[in-house]
C-alpha atoms as a PDB file:
ATOM      1  CA  UNK A   1     150.600 -40.219   5.724  1.00  0.00           C
ATOM      2  CA  UNK A   2     148.765 -42.947   7.639  1.00  0.00           C
ATOM      3  CA  UNK A   3     151.976 -43.642   9.580  1.00  0.00           C
ATOM      4  CA  UNK A   4     152.091 -40.013  10.701  1.00  0.00           C
ATOM      5  CA  UNK A   5     148.537 -40.105  12.034  1.00  0.00           C
ATOM      6  CA  UNK A   6     149.168 -43.418  13.815  1.00  0.00           C
ATOM      7  CA  UNK A   7     152.344 -42.040  15.360  1.00  0.00           C
ATOM      8  CA  UNK A   8     150.551 -38.920  16.595  1.00  0.00           C
ATOM      9  CA  UNK A   9     147.691 -40.970  18.049  1.00  0.00           C
ATOM     10  CA  UNK A  10     149.714 -41.824  21.164  1.00  0.00           C
ATOM     11  CA  UNK A  11     150.170 -39.336  24.038  1.00  0.00           C
ATOM     12  CA  UNK A  12     153.665 -40.601  24.889  1.00  0.00           C
ATOM     13  CA  UNK A  13     154.854 -40.146  21.313  1.00  0.00           C
ATOM     14  CA  UNK A  14     153.414 -36.624  21.250  1.00  0.00           C
ATOM     15  CA  UNK A  15     155.337 -35.850  24.458  1.00  0.00           C
ATOM     16  CA  UNK A  16     158.533 -37.194  22.895  1.00  0.00           C
ATOM     17  CA  UNK A  17     157.989 -34.946  19.870  1.00  0.00           C
ATOM     18  CA  UNK A  18     157.283 -31.960  22.146  1.00  0.00           C
ATOM     19  CA  UNK A  19     160.570 -32.526  23.945  1.00  0.00           C
ATOM     20  CA  UNK A  20     162.553 -32.989  20.734  1.00  0.00           C
ATOM     21  CA  UNK A  21     160.962 -29.883  19.219  1.00  0.00           C
ATOM     22  CA  UNK A  22     162.011 -27.910  22.304  1.00  0.00           C
ATOM     23  CA  UNK A  23     165.552 -29.269  22.327  1.00  0.00           C
ATOM     24  CA  UNK A  24     166.821 -31.436  19.474  1.00  0.00           C
ATOM     25  CA  UNK A  25     169.595 -33.993  19.537  1.00  0.00           C
ATOM     26  CA  UNK A  26     168.638 -36.102  22.543  1.00  0.00           C
ATOM     27  CA  UNK A  27     169.820 -39.629  23.258  1.00  0.00           C
ATOM     28  CA  UNK A  28     167.500 -42.365  24.477  1.00  0.00           C
ATOM     29  CA  UNK A  29     168.800 -41.758  28.022  1.00  0.00           C
ATOM     30  CA  UNK A  30     168.041 -38.026  27.725  1.00  0.00           C
ATOM     31  CA  UNK A  31     164.516 -38.695  26.472  1.00  0.00           C
ATOM     32  CA  UNK A  32     163.791 -41.221  29.236  1.00  0.00           C
ATOM     33  CA  UNK A  33     165.083 -38.781  31.848  1.00  0.00           C
ATOM     34  CA  UNK A  34     163.006 -35.838  30.638  1.00  0.00           C
ATOM     35  CA  UNK A  35     159.841 -37.946  30.359  1.00  0.00           C
ATOM     36  CA  UNK A  36     160.296 -39.122  33.936  1.00  0.00           C
ATOM     37  CA  UNK A  37     161.214 -35.776  35.488  1.00  0.00           C
ATOM     38  CA  UNK A  38     158.909 -33.421  33.566  1.00  0.00           C
ATOM     39  CA  UNK A  39     155.963 -35.671  32.814  1.00  0.00           C
ATOM     40  CA  UNK A  40     156.040 -38.344  35.520  1.00  0.00           C
ATOM     41  CA  UNK A  41     156.192 -41.199  33.004  1.00  0.00           C
ATOM     42  CA  UNK A  42     158.008 -44.256  34.262  1.00  0.00           C
ATOM     43  CA  UNK A  43     158.326 -46.286  31.087  1.00  0.00           C
ATOM     44  CA  UNK A  44     161.215 -48.630  30.387  1.00  0.00           C
ATOM     45  CA  UNK A  45     163.967 -47.690  27.964  1.00  0.00           C
ATOM     46  CA  UNK A  46     162.670 -50.509  25.750  1.00  0.00           C
ATOM     47  CA  UNK A  47     159.178 -48.952  25.645  1.00  0.00           C
ATOM     48  CA  UNK A  48     160.555 -45.493  24.794  1.00  0.00           C
ATOM     49  CA  UNK A  49     162.790 -47.054  22.151  1.00  0.00           C
ATOM     50  CA  UNK A  50     159.738 -48.673  20.546  1.00  0.00           C
ATOM     51  CA  UNK A  51     157.905 -45.325  20.542  1.00  0.00           C
ATOM     52  CA  UNK A  52     160.948 -43.726  18.896  1.00  0.00           C
ATOM     53  CA  UNK A  53     160.903 -46.490  16.277  1.00  0.00           C
ATOM     54  CA  UNK A  54     157.289 -45.667  15.395  1.00  0.00           C
ATOM     55  CA  UNK A  55     158.134 -41.966  15.144  1.00  0.00           C
ATOM     56  CA  UNK A  56     161.172 -42.720  12.999  1.00  0.00           C
ATOM     57  CA  UNK A  57     159.140 -44.987  10.684  1.00  0.00           C
ATOM     58  CA  UNK A  58     156.659 -42.140  10.226  1.00  0.00           C
ATOM     59  CA  UNK A  59     159.499 -39.768   9.356  1.00  0.00           C
ATOM     60  CA  UNK A  60     158.819 -37.531  12.371  1.00  0.00           C
ATOM     61  CA  UNK A  61     162.159 -38.384  13.988  1.00  0.00           C
ATOM     62  CA  UNK A  62     165.520 -38.764  12.279  1.00  0.00           C
ATOM     63  CA  UNK A  63     168.601 -40.177  13.951  1.00  0.00           C
ATOM     64  CA  UNK A  64     172.321 -39.733  13.768  1.00  0.00           C
ATOM     65  CA  UNK A  65     174.906 -42.094  15.223  1.00  0.00           C
ATOM     66  CA  UNK A  66     178.019 -40.622  16.767  1.00  0.00           C
ATOM     67  CA  UNK A  67     180.256 -43.266  18.233  1.00  0.00           C
ATOM     68  CA  UNK A  68     178.162 -45.420  20.543  1.00  0.00           C
ATOM     69  CA  UNK A  69     175.459 -42.777  20.929  1.00  0.00           C
ATOM     70  CA  UNK A  70     172.361 -42.327  18.789  1.00  0.00           C
ATOM     71  CA  UNK A  71     170.896 -38.829  18.672  1.00  0.00           C
ATOM     72  CA  UNK A  72     167.241 -38.161  17.846  1.00  0.00           C
ATOM     73  CA  UNK A  73     165.974 -35.080  16.002  1.00  0.00           C
ATOM     74  CA  UNK A  74     162.461 -33.805  15.300  1.00  0.00           C
ATOM     75  CA  UNK A  75     161.580 -33.648  11.595  1.00  0.00           C
ATOM     76  CA  UNK A  76     158.537 -31.404  10.933  1.00  0.00           C
ATOM     77  CA  UNK A  77     158.357 -32.209   7.183  1.00  0.00           C
ATOM     78  CA  UNK A  78     155.600 -34.866   7.475  1.00  0.00           C
ATOM     79  CA  UNK A  79     153.456 -32.379   9.386  1.00  0.00           C
ATOM     80  CA  UNK A  80     153.967 -29.842   6.607  1.00  0.00           C
ATOM     81  CA  UNK A  81     152.609 -32.416   4.169  1.00  0.00           C
ATOM     82  CA  UNK A  82     149.388 -32.547   6.188  1.00  0.00           C
ATOM     83  CA  UNK A  83     148.938 -28.778   6.143  1.00  0.00           C
ATOM     84  CA  UNK A  84     149.609 -28.638   2.398  1.00  0.00           C
ATOM     85  CA  UNK A  85     147.009 -31.307   1.760  1.00  0.00           C
ATOM     86  CA  UNK A  86     144.175 -29.410   3.385  1.00  0.00           C
ATOM     87  CA  UNK A  87     144.626 -25.693   2.723  1.00  0.00           C
ATOM     88  CA  UNK A  88     142.214 -23.322   4.386  1.00  0.00           C
ATOM     89  CA  UNK A  89     140.940 -20.922   1.739  1.00  0.00           C
ATOM     90  CA  UNK A  90     138.871 -17.989   2.815  1.00  0.00           C
ATOM     91  CA  UNK A  91     135.321 -19.157   3.250  1.00  0.00           C
ATOM     92  CA  UNK A  92     132.304 -16.983   2.906  1.00  0.00           C
ATOM     93  CA  UNK A  93     129.156 -17.743   4.811  1.00  0.00           C
ATOM     94  CA  UNK A  94     125.879 -17.537   3.023  1.00  0.00           C
END
């Protein structure tokens, strides 16, 4: 779970997850393009690839290779683990 929190600690990685949650199955080129056009980020492909590696290590992104292309998909399961860990029972105030 520590990996998930570390992955979410970076604004760029959160933007990548936002974009994958909105439209899954993006290549590295697609992700770089959307980050530049929608968010004004001008990071190198290498930098974005490293961010994707962190997200993949945390289980928040899964990949699929098709030919020479690698597609990235958002995986919400690690976030579900967080919400299961800290349930919010009804609280009464005294």
